[in-house]
Amino acid sequence: MKKIDYRGWVIPLILFGVWSLVTTKQWVDPALLAPTKQVWQAFLNGLQSGELYENVIASLLRNSTGFVAGGLIGTGLGLLLGLNIWLDRFFSPTLNAIKHVAVFAWIPLMIMWFGHGELSKVIFIALVVFYPVFFNTYDGVKNVPNKIREVAQIFQLSSVSTFFKVILPAAAPSIFAGLNIALVFSWVATVGAEYFFVSSLGVVNPILDGQNLFQMDVVLYGMAVIAVMGLVFSKAAQFFENYNLRWRQAVNKKS
């Protein structure tokens, strides 16, 4: 049974203790740093009113739509260019140039083309997901050793069989690594999209409301929700990769 490492909790607990101390002793203006009790009360208010639930569900739906769209397009295009030399030579220079453009630089164009609504937010999330998935998939296919490809030729496998039985399993670690990174990045993109685009519901709403009303407890409550959700996405990404590559761990144990 795997032991749980609690060392990662040391710094958060220390920071929480310092926060509680300075706010209890009133060493800091409550308008700048709200006491922990007020933040907890803001959380309970959001929970009881149903606002927290609505915001989280709205963000998760937005995130899931963008992740699926960006993941499918990135994986499909990565496989296509990785397998087809002609398409690779035709499209790769353009895609390699575009990847150097910061994703936030696309926001003004998205607003002009698609407005401030839900479509722009989903496209932005999908774009953030697309980059790591596409390039990891592309590199995974391109870096399949020639010796493995030669095995398929020796057994006279068809193109379809070679893809599913040789190339795809060999490229799988790189593909899932890209999906793992994209899953974490997608949550960051979701928060960014809700902040830069107009959002009726979402986890960023409490932060914006607290900022406008200068209610620091609401701002900190919103930040805490985002941080916890980010941690959940990080753990989900690790589980996702480990689960889908469990066959590789079994092979390593046998060897």
Protein backbone atom coordinates (compact mmCIF):
# COMPACT_ATOMS: atom_id res chain seq x y z
CA MET A 1 0.00 0.00 0.00
CA LYS A 2 1.37 3.40 -1.03
CA LYS A 3 2.22 5.70 1.89
CA ILE A 4 0.74 9.19 1.91
CA ASP A 5 3.33 11.97 1.95
CA TYR A 6 2.11 14.76 4.24
CA ARG A 7 5.14 17.00 3.70
CA GLY A 8 3.29 18.96 1.01
CA TRP A 9 0.85 20.19 3.66
CA VAL A 10 3.53 21.85 5.80
CA ILE A 11 3.78 25.19 3.95
CA PRO A 12 -0.01 25.61 3.45
CA LEU A 13 -0.59 24.96 7.16
CA ILE A 14 2.12 27.43 8.14
CA LEU A 15 0.63 30.09 5.83
CA PHE A 16 -2.84 29.41 7.22
CA GLY A 17 -1.50 29.75 10.77
CA VAL A 18 0.21 33.06 9.95
CA TRP A 19 -2.96 34.30 8.27
CA SER A 20 -5.07 33.41 11.32
CA LEU A 21 -2.57 35.02 13.68
CA VAL A 22 -2.19 38.37 11.91
CA THR A 23 -5.93 38.76 11.37
CA THR A 24 -6.80 37.75 14.94
CA LYS A 25 -4.25 40.20 16.37
CA GLN A 26 -5.49 42.81 13.85
CA TRP A 27 -1.97 43.46 12.61
CA VAL A 28 -3.42 43.91 9.12
CA ASP A 29 -6.40 45.99 8.02
CA PRO A 30 -9.38 43.57 7.57
CA ALA A 31 -10.23 45.42 4.37
CA LEU A 32 -6.94 44.18 2.93
CA LEU A 33 -6.86 40.71 4.47
CA ALA A 34 -10.14 39.33 5.80
CA PRO A 35 -10.11 37.04 8.87
CA THR A 36 -10.46 33.31 8.26
CA LYS A 37 -13.86 33.28 10.00
CA GLN A 38 -15.26 35.81 7.54
CA VAL A 39 -13.96 33.83 4.56
CA TRP A 40 -15.50 30.66 5.98
CA GLN A 41 -18.80 32.49 6.46
CA ALA A 42 -18.66 33.71 2.85
CA PHE A 43 -18.19 30.09 1.77
CA LEU A 44 -21.16 28.95 3.86
CA ASN A 45 -23.31 31.75 2.42
CA GLY A 46 -22.42 30.70 -1.11
CA LEU A 47 -23.12 27.07 -0.26
CA GLN A 48 -26.47 27.74 1.39
CA SER A 49 -27.69 30.05 -1.36
CA GLY A 50 -26.74 27.55 -4.05
CA GLU A 51 -24.47 30.11 -5.71
CA LEU A 52 -21.36 28.00 -5.18
CA TYR A 53 -22.96 24.95 -6.78
CA GLU A 54 -24.21 26.93 -9.79
CA ASN A 55 -20.84 28.60 -10.36
CA VAL A 56 -18.86 25.37 -10.12
CA ILE A 57 -21.22 23.47 -12.44
CA ALA A 58 -21.14 26.29 -15.01
CA SER A 59 -17.33 26.36 -14.97
CA LEU A 60 -17.04 22.57 -15.19
CA LEU A 61 -19.40 22.41 -18.18
CA ARG A 62 -17.46 25.20 -19.88
CA ASN A 63 -14.19 23.47 -19.10
CA SER A 64 -15.35 20.04 -20.26
CA THR A 65 -16.64 21.36 -23.58
CA GLY A 66 -13.40 23.18 -24.32
CA PHE A 67 -11.23 20.26 -23.19
CA VAL A 68 -13.06 17.71 -25.33
CA ALA A 69 -13.02 19.98 -28.40
CA GLY A 70 -9.36 20.94 -28.06
CA GLY A 71 -8.33 17.40 -27.14
CA LEU A 72 -10.05 15.76 -30.10
CA ILE A 73 -8.77 18.31 -32.60
CA GLY A 74 -5.25 18.23 -31.15
CA THR A 75 -5.06 14.44 -31.06
CA GLY A 76 -6.53 14.01 -34.52
CA LEU A 77 -4.32 16.63 -36.16
CA GLY A 78 -1.24 15.38 -34.31
CA LEU A 79 -1.82 11.83 -35.54
CA LEU A 80 -2.55 13.03 -39.06
CA LEU A 81 0.59 15.13 -39.41
CA GLY A 82 2.70 12.57 -37.60
CA LEU A 83 1.70 9.84 -40.03
CA ASN A 84 1.59 11.83 -43.29
CA ILE A 85 4.89 13.31 -44.46
CA TRP A 86 3.28 15.55 -47.08
CA LEU A 87 0.83 17.11 -44.61
CA ASP A 88 3.62 17.43 -42.06
CA ARG A 89 5.79 19.46 -44.44
CA PHE A 90 2.83 21.59 -45.50
CA PHE A 91 1.31 22.47 -42.11
CA SER A 92 4.06 22.05 -39.49
CA PRO A 93 5.94 25.31 -40.19
CA THR A 94 2.73 27.30 -39.75
CA LEU A 95 1.71 25.50 -36.57
CA ASN A 96 5.21 25.84 -35.11
CA ALA A 97 5.06 29.58 -35.76
CA ILE A 98 1.58 29.96 -34.27
CA LYS A 99 2.55 28.16 -31.06
CA HIS A 100 4.88 31.05 -30.20
CA VAL A 101 1.91 33.43 -30.04
CA ALA A 102 0.73 33.67 -26.43
CA VAL A 103 -2.81 32.33 -26.12
CA PHE A 104 -3.96 35.50 -24.35
CA ALA A 105 -2.99 37.46 -27.46
CA TRP A 106 -5.90 35.76 -29.25
CA ILE A 107 -8.48 37.25 -26.88
CA PRO A 108 -9.03 40.53 -28.77
CA LEU A 109 -9.58 38.62 -32.02
CA MET A 110 -11.98 36.21 -30.33
CA ILE A 111 -13.99 39.10 -28.92
CA MET A 112 -14.17 40.74 -32.36
CA TRP A 113 -15.06 37.50 -34.14
CA PHE A 114 -17.26 35.70 -31.62
CA GLY A 115 -18.24 38.35 -29.05
CA HIS A 116 -18.03 38.10 -25.26
CA GLY A 117 -20.37 35.13 -24.92
CA GLU A 118 -20.00 31.45 -24.15
CA LEU A 119 -18.61 30.55 -27.57
CA SER A 120 -15.53 32.73 -27.10
CA LYS A 121 -14.80 31.19 -23.70
CA VAL A 122 -15.07 27.63 -25.02
CA ILE A 123 -12.88 28.40 -28.04
CA PHE A 124 -10.26 29.97 -25.78
CA ILE A 125 -10.18 26.89 -23.52
CA ALA A 126 -10.04 24.60 -26.56
CA LEU A 127 -7.10 26.59 -27.95
CA VAL A 128 -5.17 26.26 -24.69
CA VAL A 129 -5.84 22.51 -24.66
CA PHE A 130 -4.98 22.09 -28.34
CA TYR A 131 -1.31 23.10 -28.10
CA PRO A 132 0.04 20.50 -25.62
CA VAL A 133 -2.17 17.72 -27.00
CA PHE A 134 -1.22 18.34 -30.63
CA PHE A 135 2.54 18.68 -30.14
CA ASN A 136 2.79 15.74 -27.72
CA THR A 137 0.77 13.54 -30.06
CA TYR A 138 2.82 14.67 -33.06
CA ASP A 139 6.13 14.07 -31.26
CA GLY A 140 4.92 10.72 -29.94
CA VAL A 141 4.13 9.43 -33.43
CA LYS A 142 7.28 10.90 -34.98
CA ASN A 143 9.52 9.42 -32.29
CA VAL A 144 8.29 5.83 -32.62
CA PRO A 145 11.56 3.88 -33.04
CA ASN A 146 12.26 2.50 -36.50
CA LYS A 147 12.92 -0.92 -34.96
CA ILE A 148 9.29 -1.08 -33.83
CA ARG A 149 8.09 -0.11 -37.29
CA GLU A 150 10.30 -2.79 -38.79
CA VAL A 151 8.61 -5.40 -36.61
CA ALA A 152 5.28 -4.52 -38.24
CA GLN A 153 6.87 -4.97 -41.67
CA ILE A 154 8.32 -8.34 -40.69
CA PHE A 155 4.90 -9.59 -39.62
CA GLN A 156 3.40 -8.02 -42.76
CA LEU A 157 0.79 -6.06 -40.85
CA SER A 158 -1.62 -3.87 -42.77
CA SER A 159 -1.51 -0.08 -42.39
CA VAL A 160 -4.51 -0.14 -40.05
CA SER A 161 -3.06 -2.96 -37.92
CA THR A 162 0.31 -1.22 -37.80
CA PHE A 163 -1.34 1.95 -36.54
CA PHE A 164 -3.44 0.32 -33.80
CA LYS A 165 -1.02 -2.41 -32.72
CA VAL A 166 2.35 -0.70 -33.13
CA ILE A 167 2.36 3.07 -33.59
CA LEU A 168 -0.50 4.05 -31.27
CA PRO A 169 0.70 1.97 -28.27
CA ALA A 170 4.26 3.28 -28.73
CA ALA A 171 3.05 6.89 -28.93
CA ALA A 172 0.52 6.50 -26.09
CA PRO A 173 2.82 7.73 -23.26
CA SER A 174 3.48 10.99 -25.10
CA ILE A 175 -0.20 11.41 -26.04
CA PHE A 176 -1.42 10.92 -22.48
CA ALA A 177 1.32 13.21 -21.17
CA GLY A 178 -0.10 15.91 -23.45
CA LEU A 179 -3.64 15.24 -22.26
CA ASN A 180 -2.41 15.33 -18.66
CA ILE A 181 -0.84 18.77 -19.16
CA ALA A 182 -3.88 19.97 -21.09
CA LEU A 183 -6.28 18.92 -18.33
CA VAL A 184 -4.44 21.11 -15.82
CA PHE A 185 -4.04 23.98 -18.29
CA SER A 186 -7.73 23.80 -19.18
CA TRP A 187 -8.70 24.87 -15.66
CA VAL A 188 -6.31 27.83 -15.81
CA ALA A 189 -7.84 28.70 -19.19
CA THR A 190 -11.34 28.44 -17.75
CA VAL A 191 -10.49 30.91 -15.00
CA GLY A 192 -8.84 33.22 -17.54
CA ALA A 193 -11.79 33.01 -19.92
CA GLU A 194 -14.27 33.88 -17.17
CA TYR A 195 -12.13 36.81 -16.12
CA PHE A 196 -11.55 38.33 -19.57
CA PHE A 197 -14.93 37.52 -21.14
CA VAL A 198 -18.38 38.41 -19.82
CA SER A 199 -19.65 35.52 -17.70
CA SER A 200 -23.10 35.09 -16.21
CA LEU A 201 -22.01 32.19 -14.02
CA GLY A 202 -18.62 30.80 -13.06
CA VAL A 203 -16.12 30.40 -10.23
CA VAL A 204 -14.55 33.79 -11.02
CA ASN A 205 -17.83 35.61 -10.25
CA PRO A 206 -17.26 35.81 -6.47
CA ILE A 207 -13.83 37.37 -7.05
CA LEU A 208 -15.26 39.97 -9.44
CA ASP A 209 -18.18 40.71 -7.13
CA GLY A 210 -15.91 41.01 -4.11
CA GLN A 211 -13.57 43.28 -6.04
CA ASN A 212 -16.37 45.58 -7.15
CA LEU A 213 -17.88 45.74 -3.66
CA PHE A 214 -14.48 45.74 -1.93
CA GLN A 215 -15.38 42.65 0.10
CA MET A 216 -12.07 40.92 0.71
CA ASP A 217 -13.70 37.89 2.36
CA VAL A 218 -15.66 37.16 -0.82
CA VAL A 219 -12.53 37.59 -2.95
CA LEU A 220 -10.56 35.15 -0.79
CA TYR A 221 -13.46 32.70 -0.75
CA GLY A 222 -13.50 32.76 -4.56
CA MET A 223 -9.73 32.26 -4.73
CA ALA A 224 -9.97 29.31 -2.35
CA VAL A 225 -12.62 27.63 -4.53
CA ILE A 226 -10.46 28.09 -7.63
CA ALA A 227 -7.40 26.70 -5.82
CA VAL A 228 -9.27 23.62 -4.57
CA MET A 229 -10.71 22.96 -8.03
CA GLY A 230 -7.23 23.35 -9.52
CA LEU A 231 -5.89 20.77 -7.08
CA VAL A 232 -8.70 18.39 -8.04
CA PHE A 233 -7.83 18.81 -11.73
CA SER A 234 -4.16 18.17 -11.01
CA LYS A 235 -4.93 14.94 -9.12
CA ALA A 236 -7.42 13.90 -11.80
CA ALA A 237 -4.77 14.39 -14.48
CA GLN A 238 -2.31 12.19 -12.59
CA PHE A 239 -4.93 9.48 -12.10
CA PHE A 240 -5.97 9.75 -15.74
CA GLU A 241 -2.43 9.21 -17.01
CA ASN A 242 -1.58 6.42 -14.55
CA TYR A 243 -4.82 4.56 -15.28
CA ASN A 244 -4.47 4.68 -19.05
CA LEU A 245 -0.80 3.68 -18.94
CA ARG A 246 -1.19 0.94 -16.33
CA TRP A 247 -0.19 -1.63 -18.96
CA ARG A 248 3.25 0.02 -19.19
CA GLN A 249 3.75 -0.31 -15.42
CA ALA A 250 2.86 -4.00 -15.64
CA VAL A 251 5.43 -4.48 -18.41
CA ASN A 252 8.12 -2.71 -16.38
CA LYS A 253 7.43 -4.93 -13.36
CA LYS A 254 7.74 -8.08 -15.50
CA SER A 255 10.99 -6.88 -17.02
